[in-house]
Protein backbone atom coordinates (compact mmCIF):
# COMPACT_ATOMS: atom_id res chain seq x y z
CA MET A 1 0.00 0.00 0.00
CA ASN A 2 1.25 3.46 -0.93
CA LEU A 3 0.34 5.26 2.29
CA LYS A 4 1.57 8.70 1.21
CA ARG A 5 -0.58 8.54 -1.93
CA LEU A 6 -3.57 7.51 0.18
CA ILE A 7 -2.99 10.43 2.55
CA PHE A 8 -2.62 12.80 -0.41
CA GLU A 9 -6.16 11.90 -1.51
CA GLY A 10 -7.39 13.44 1.74
CA GLU A 11 -10.21 12.56 4.09
CA GLY A 12 -13.51 11.62 2.51
CA VAL A 13 -16.35 9.10 2.45
CA THR A 14 -14.01 6.11 2.87
CA LEU A 15 -10.98 7.64 4.60
CA ASP A 16 -10.44 9.28 7.98
CA PHE A 17 -7.27 10.51 9.73
CA LYS A 18 -6.81 10.17 13.48
CA LYS A 19 -3.73 11.43 15.30
CA THR A 20 -4.71 9.22 18.23
CA ILE A 21 -7.85 7.55 19.60
CA THR A 22 -9.22 9.50 22.57
CA SER A 23 -12.85 8.33 22.73
CA CYS A 24 -14.51 4.96 22.11
CA GLU A 25 -17.81 6.75 21.39
CA LYS A 26 -16.31 8.95 18.67
CA ILE A 27 -14.38 6.19 16.90
CA ALA A 28 -17.38 3.83 17.09
CA ARG A 29 -19.41 6.50 15.30
CA THR A 30 -16.91 6.57 12.42
CA MET A 31 -16.61 2.78 12.17
CA VAL A 32 -20.39 2.30 12.25
CA SER A 33 -20.84 4.92 9.50
CA TYR A 34 -18.35 2.98 7.34
CA ALA A 35 -20.13 -0.33 7.96
CA ASN A 36 -23.47 1.25 7.06
CA ASN A 37 -22.00 2.68 3.87
CA LYS A 38 -19.41 1.09 1.53
CA GLY A 39 -16.70 0.50 4.12
CA GLY A 40 -13.63 2.62 4.80
CA LYS A 41 -10.21 3.03 6.39
CA LEU A 42 -8.95 4.79 9.49
CA LEU A 43 -5.34 5.97 9.48
CA ILE A 44 -4.21 6.15 13.10
CA GLY A 45 -1.10 8.25 13.62
CA VAL A 46 -1.96 10.78 10.91
CA ALA A 47 -3.00 14.35 11.78
CA ASP A 48 -5.98 16.10 10.16
CA ASP A 49 -3.66 17.99 7.80
CA GLY A 50 -2.13 14.71 6.60
CA THR A 51 1.09 14.97 8.61
CA ILE A 52 2.39 11.55 9.65
CA LYS A 53 2.89 11.65 13.42
CA GLY A 54 3.02 7.92 14.10
CA VAL A 55 1.35 6.11 16.99
CA LYS A 56 2.94 6.21 20.43
CA SER A 57 1.42 2.97 21.67
CA GLU A 58 0.18 0.54 19.03
CA ASP A 59 -1.28 -1.80 21.66
CA GLU A 60 -3.27 1.00 23.28
CA GLU A 61 -4.70 2.14 19.92
CA ARG A 62 -5.65 -1.44 18.99
CA TYR A 63 -7.30 -1.90 22.39
CA MET A 64 -9.40 1.28 22.03
CA ILE A 65 -10.51 0.40 18.50
CA THR A 66 -11.34 -3.21 19.37
CA LYS A 67 -13.25 -2.06 22.46
CA ALA A 68 -15.21 0.47 20.37
CA ALA A 69 -15.92 -2.15 17.69
CA HIS A 70 -17.14 -4.80 20.15
CA LEU A 71 -18.73 -2.86 23.01
CA TYR A 72 -19.74 0.48 21.47
CA SER A 73 -21.04 -0.88 18.14
CA ARG A 74 -24.15 -3.00 17.67
CA PRO A 75 -24.03 -5.47 15.96
CA ALA A 76 -20.32 -5.71 16.80
CA LEU A 77 -17.75 -4.93 14.12
CA GLU A 78 -14.55 -6.79 13.27
CA PRO A 79 -11.82 -4.29 12.31
CA ILE A 80 -8.89 -5.47 10.18
CA PHE A 81 -5.51 -4.07 11.29
CA GLU A 82 -2.43 -3.35 9.19
CA GLU A 83 0.85 -1.74 10.24
CA VAL A 84 2.78 0.52 7.90
CA TYR A 85 6.09 2.22 8.69
CA VAL A 86 6.84 5.57 7.02
CA ASP A 87 10.10 7.36 7.87
CA ASP A 88 10.42 5.18 11.01
CA LYS A 89 6.94 6.17 12.15
CA LEU A 90 4.24 3.56 12.63
CA VAL A 91 0.79 4.19 11.15
CA LEU A 92 -1.97 1.80 12.13
CA ILE A 93 -4.45 1.23 9.31
CA VAL A 94 -7.90 0.04 10.38
CA ASP A 95 -10.14 -1.37 7.66
CA ILE A 96 -13.90 -1.55 8.24
CA GLU A 97 -15.76 -3.50 5.58
CA GLU A 98 -19.27 -2.79 4.36
CA SER A 99 -21.63 -4.84 6.50
CA ALA A 100 -24.35 -7.26 5.49
CA LEU A 101 -25.98 -6.69 8.90
CA LYS A 102 -27.09 -3.08 8.45
CA PRO A 103 -27.98 -0.93 10.22
CA HIS A 104 -25.19 -0.76 12.81
CA TYR A 105 -25.68 1.44 15.87
CA ALA A 106 -23.05 3.31 17.90
CA LEU A 107 -23.32 3.98 21.63
CA ALA A 108 -23.29 7.74 22.20
CA GLU A 109 -22.23 9.78 25.21
CA ASP A 110 -25.90 10.08 26.22
CA GLY A 111 -26.09 6.30 26.69
CA LYS A 112 -28.35 5.82 23.65
CA TRP A 113 -27.71 3.83 20.49
CA TRP A 114 -27.81 5.77 17.21
CA VAL A 115 -27.32 4.93 13.53
CA TYR A 116 -24.68 6.93 11.65
CA VAL A 117 -23.90 7.21 7.95
CA ARG A 118 -20.93 8.68 6.10
CA VAL A 119 -21.40 11.94 4.22
CA LYS A 120 -18.20 13.30 2.64
CA ASP A 121 -15.67 13.29 5.50
CA LYS A 122 -18.22 13.36 8.33
CA SER A 123 -20.17 10.69 10.21
CA ILE A 124 -23.69 12.03 10.68
CA LEU A 125 -26.82 10.85 12.42
CA ALA A 126 -29.08 8.87 10.08
CA SER A 127 -32.67 9.94 9.58
CA LYS A 128 -35.61 7.61 10.23
CA ILE A 129 -35.95 7.09 6.48
CA VAL A 130 -32.26 6.14 6.07
CA VAL A 131 -32.53 3.68 8.98
CA ASP A 132 -35.61 2.07 7.41
CA VAL A 133 -33.87 1.80 4.03
CA LEU A 134 -30.82 0.16 5.68
CA LYS A 135 -33.02 -2.28 7.59
CA ARG A 136 -35.09 -3.33 4.62
CA SER A 137 -32.24 -3.38 2.08
CA SER A 138 -30.35 -5.93 4.20
CA GLY A 139 -33.40 -8.22 4.39
CA ASN A 140 -34.87 -10.50 1.77
CA GLU A 141 -38.30 -8.95 1.55
CA GLY A 142 -39.28 -7.45 -1.78
CA VAL A 143 -41.13 -4.21 -2.30
CA LEU A 144 -44.50 -4.18 -4.01
CA ILE A 145 -45.41 -0.71 -5.22
CA GLU A 146 -49.03 0.07 -5.94
CA TYR A 147 -49.22 3.30 -7.90
CA SER A 148 -51.85 5.21 -6.03
CA ASN A 149 -52.60 8.89 -6.50
CA ASN A 150 -49.89 9.69 -3.92
CA GLU A 151 -47.09 8.01 -5.88
CA LYS A 152 -48.27 9.58 -9.13
CA ALA A 153 -48.52 13.04 -7.58
CA LEU A 154 -45.04 12.77 -6.04
CA LEU A 155 -43.38 11.63 -9.27
CA GLU A 156 -45.14 14.33 -11.28
CA TYR A 157 -43.92 16.90 -8.75
CA LEU A 158 -40.32 15.61 -9.07
CA GLU A 159 -40.51 15.89 -12.87
CA LYS A 160 -41.26 19.60 -12.47
CA THR A 161 -39.12 20.62 -9.49
CA ALA A 162 -36.39 17.92 -9.41
CA ARG A 163 -36.30 17.56 -5.61
CA ILE A 164 -38.47 17.30 -2.49
CA ASN A 165 -37.93 16.94 1.26
CA ILE A 166 -40.08 15.12 3.83
CA ASN A 167 -41.99 18.24 4.93
CA GLU A 168 -42.76 19.22 1.35
CA CYS A 169 -43.91 15.65 0.66
CA CYS A 170 -46.34 15.79 3.60
CA ASP A 171 -47.72 19.13 2.42
CA LEU A 172 -47.99 18.03 -1.22
CA LEU A 173 -49.83 14.79 -0.51
CA LYS A 174 -51.72 16.00 2.59
CA ILE A 175 -50.52 12.98 4.59
CA GLY A 176 -48.81 12.47 7.96
CA ARG A 177 -45.07 12.13 8.40
CA ARG A 178 -45.14 8.39 9.09
CA LYS A 179 -47.11 7.63 5.92
CA ALA A 180 -44.81 9.90 3.90
CA GLN A 181 -41.74 8.12 5.28
CA LYS A 182 -43.10 4.71 4.28
CA LEU A 183 -43.95 5.93 0.78
CA LEU A 184 -40.45 7.41 0.31
CA VAL A 185 -38.70 4.28 1.65
CA ASP A 186 -40.71 2.07 -0.75
CA LEU A 187 -39.79 4.26 -3.72
CA ILE A 188 -36.10 4.38 -2.70
CA LEU A 189 -35.90 0.57 -2.35
CA SER A 190 -37.65 0.15 -5.71
CA GLY A 191 -35.00 2.28 -7.40
CA ILE A 192 -37.49 4.95 -8.45
CA ILE A 193 -36.17 7.83 -6.34
CA ARG A 194 -32.82 8.54 -4.74
CA ILE A 195 -32.05 9.77 -1.24
CA ASN A 196 -29.57 12.68 -1.01
CA THR A 197 -28.01 13.37 2.38
CA THR A 198 -25.83 16.35 3.26
CA GLU A 199 -24.68 17.68 6.63
CA LYS A 200 -27.54 20.20 6.63
CA GLU A 201 -30.45 18.51 4.86
CA GLU A 202 -31.92 15.42 3.28
CA PHE A 203 -33.93 15.46 0.08
CA TYR A 204 -35.17 13.12 -2.62
CA THR A 205 -34.79 13.16 -6.40
CA ALA A 206 -36.07 10.99 -9.25
CA ILE A 207 -33.63 8.49 -10.77
């Protein structure tokens, strides 16, 4: 592995730099977001600006990551470790694979379990719709769409305006939030609309 080239690419959806591990809660959040997405790598011993600092105690870093993966992640994760030396400095590479057991939850500081997903270089809290999509996409159940007036109205709206959020969907169809969520999840799983998540908002577009 060309570590310097990897670092040069910068942090993103599948790559995160950590100078050191200071919190099981925080690192569990990142690992869970990787497992719920397409997987990713943690480079331990690398500062946010890409400077290679090296790890002071490899055993301590491994212990913190393993503890976070097993006790602060549910279902538990199995990180894959790799050691790389650069200029006599040790960088610990932690690989988290995409999971077939989505959604994974991370234990937060408030003692509650939350689902996180990866958006650019951040691990953010998943919405109820994202959690439902993760749950149902990992199962074997199919989705049967009956094109009622609601589905037709929503798709016609998307043809004109290109995007819609959950509140706009409720207003457009004159339905409650729970019913709107189910309708959106069904359409996402059927490949008819796409979910778009940013740090500030979540919206839906036609495919």
